[in-house]
């Protein structure tokens, strides 16, 4: 990711999720996760509100802060870059979403056991 002629890395992990929540002023882990539903609505075509744009800027800033040992950009610089380069917003959001824990479908044998119990 190039910003102002300099290369930066994007990264996100579980701790970053909490850092993002703190930066946004959220009280709970659930509040932090719920904002990603707002992001999904925007991705589906809903208009970007000022409040949601601010949160996306904070997400981008968090991704850059985690990805670089010493980030020399301010939150304002990151936000302005995000507005000028919407693909940056998408990359940061994708990075964050990829770090979420995955759920896996039940194994077939487990599903068969549940189905067998229902028939009894």
Protein backbone atom coordinates (compact mmCIF):
# COMPACT_ATOMS: atom_id res chain seq x y z
CA UNK A 1 0.00 0.00 0.00
CA UNK A 2 1.51 3.29 -1.08
CA UNK A 3 0.56 6.50 0.74
CA UNK A 4 2.30 9.81 0.04
CA UNK A 5 4.99 8.00 -1.95
CA UNK A 6 5.88 5.60 0.87
CA UNK A 7 5.06 1.89 1.21
CA UNK A 8 3.00 0.67 4.16
CA UNK A 9 1.72 -2.76 5.17
CA UNK A 10 -1.80 -3.59 6.28
CA UNK A 11 -2.39 -6.09 9.09
CA UNK A 12 -5.18 -6.98 11.51
CA UNK A 13 -5.51 -9.49 14.33
CA UNK A 14 -7.66 -10.16 17.39
CA UNK A 15 -5.91 -7.47 19.45
CA UNK A 16 -6.42 -5.00 16.59
CA UNK A 17 -10.16 -5.62 16.82
CA UNK A 18 -10.08 -4.38 20.42
CA UNK A 19 -7.82 -1.46 19.52
CA UNK A 20 -10.26 -0.49 16.77
CA UNK A 21 -13.15 -0.68 19.24
CA UNK A 22 -11.32 1.51 21.73
CA UNK A 23 -10.47 4.04 19.02
CA UNK A 24 -14.16 4.23 18.09
CA UNK A 25 -15.18 4.57 21.73
CA UNK A 26 -17.20 1.35 21.88
CA UNK A 27 -18.08 -0.08 25.27
CA UNK A 28 -18.32 -3.77 24.42
CA UNK A 29 -16.93 -6.39 22.07
CA UNK A 30 -20.43 -6.76 20.59
CA UNK A 31 -20.53 -3.04 19.76
CA UNK A 32 -17.27 -3.47 17.90
CA UNK A 33 -18.55 -6.43 15.91
CA UNK A 34 -21.86 -4.75 15.09
CA UNK A 35 -20.13 -1.94 13.21
CA UNK A 36 -19.07 -4.49 10.59
CA UNK A 37 -22.78 -4.88 9.77
CA UNK A 38 -22.83 -1.15 8.97
CA UNK A 39 -19.80 -1.68 6.73
CA UNK A 40 -21.57 -4.54 4.93
CA UNK A 41 -24.61 -2.34 4.23
CA UNK A 42 -22.36 0.25 2.60
CA UNK A 43 -20.70 -2.50 0.54
CA UNK A 44 -24.21 -3.50 -0.61
CA UNK A 45 -24.88 0.01 -1.88
CA UNK A 46 -26.25 1.91 1.11
CA UNK A 47 -25.08 5.51 1.30
CA UNK A 48 -21.99 6.12 3.39
CA UNK A 49 -22.91 8.19 6.43
CA UNK A 50 -20.42 10.54 8.06
CA UNK A 51 -20.45 8.38 11.18
CA UNK A 52 -19.71 5.19 9.25
CA UNK A 53 -17.00 6.91 7.17
CA UNK A 54 -15.31 7.97 10.39
CA UNK A 55 -15.38 4.38 11.67
CA UNK A 56 -13.96 3.10 8.37
CA UNK A 57 -11.17 5.66 8.67
CA UNK A 58 -10.41 4.36 12.16
CA UNK A 59 -10.37 0.80 10.82
CA UNK A 60 -7.91 1.80 8.08
CA UNK A 61 -5.74 3.58 10.65
CA UNK A 62 -5.77 0.51 12.91
CA UNK A 63 -4.78 -1.79 10.02
CA UNK A 64 -1.85 0.48 9.16
CA UNK A 65 -0.84 0.87 12.79
CA UNK A 66 -0.71 -2.92 13.26
CA UNK A 67 1.06 -3.51 9.95
CA UNK A 68 3.92 -1.08 10.53
CA UNK A 69 6.38 -0.93 13.42
CA UNK A 70 6.28 2.84 13.57
CA UNK A 71 3.43 4.47 11.72
CA UNK A 72 4.32 8.01 10.73
CA UNK A 73 0.83 8.91 9.49
CA UNK A 74 -1.88 10.65 11.46
CA UNK A 75 -5.45 9.45 11.56
CA UNK A 76 -6.38 12.49 9.43
CA UNK A 77 -3.83 11.57 6.73
CA UNK A 78 -5.13 8.00 6.66
CA UNK A 79 -8.74 9.19 6.43
CA UNK A 80 -7.92 11.58 3.57
CA UNK A 81 -6.10 8.80 1.71
CA UNK A 82 -9.09 6.51 2.24
CA UNK A 83 -11.48 9.07 0.72
CA UNK A 84 -9.17 9.69 -2.25
CA UNK A 85 -8.55 5.94 -2.79
CA UNK A 86 -11.67 3.86 -2.05
CA UNK A 87 -9.82 0.63 -2.88
CA UNK A 88 -7.71 1.24 0.24
CA UNK A 89 -10.92 1.14 2.30
CA UNK A 90 -11.86 -2.18 0.71
CA UNK A 91 -8.42 -3.67 1.32
CA UNK A 92 -8.46 -2.69 5.00
CA UNK A 93 -11.99 -4.05 5.46
CA UNK A 94 -11.06 -7.32 3.73
CA UNK A 95 -7.97 -7.61 5.91
CA UNK A 96 -10.08 -7.19 9.05
CA UNK A 97 -12.76 -9.63 7.93
CA UNK A 98 -10.20 -12.30 7.04
CA UNK A 99 -8.86 -12.20 10.60
CA UNK A 100 -12.23 -13.11 12.15
CA UNK A 101 -12.56 -16.66 13.54
CA UNK A 102 -14.07 -19.07 11.08
CA UNK A 103 -16.95 -21.41 11.87
CA UNK A 104 -16.98 -24.77 10.18
CA UNK A 105 -19.99 -26.86 9.24
CA UNK A 106 -20.65 -29.87 11.44
CA UNK A 107 -19.01 -33.07 10.35
CA UNK A 108 -21.29 -35.45 8.50
CA UNK A 109 -21.15 -38.01 11.31
CA UNK A 110 -22.19 -35.36 13.84
CA UNK A 111 -25.04 -34.24 11.62
CA UNK A 112 -26.21 -37.85 11.22
CA UNK A 113 -26.27 -38.32 15.00
CA UNK A 114 -28.45 -35.23 15.42
CA UNK A 115 -30.77 -36.40 12.64
CA UNK A 116 -31.04 -39.86 14.27
CA UNK A 117 -32.02 -38.28 17.60
CA UNK A 118 -34.78 -36.26 15.93
CA UNK A 119 -36.36 -39.43 14.46
CA UNK A 120 -36.68 -41.15 17.89
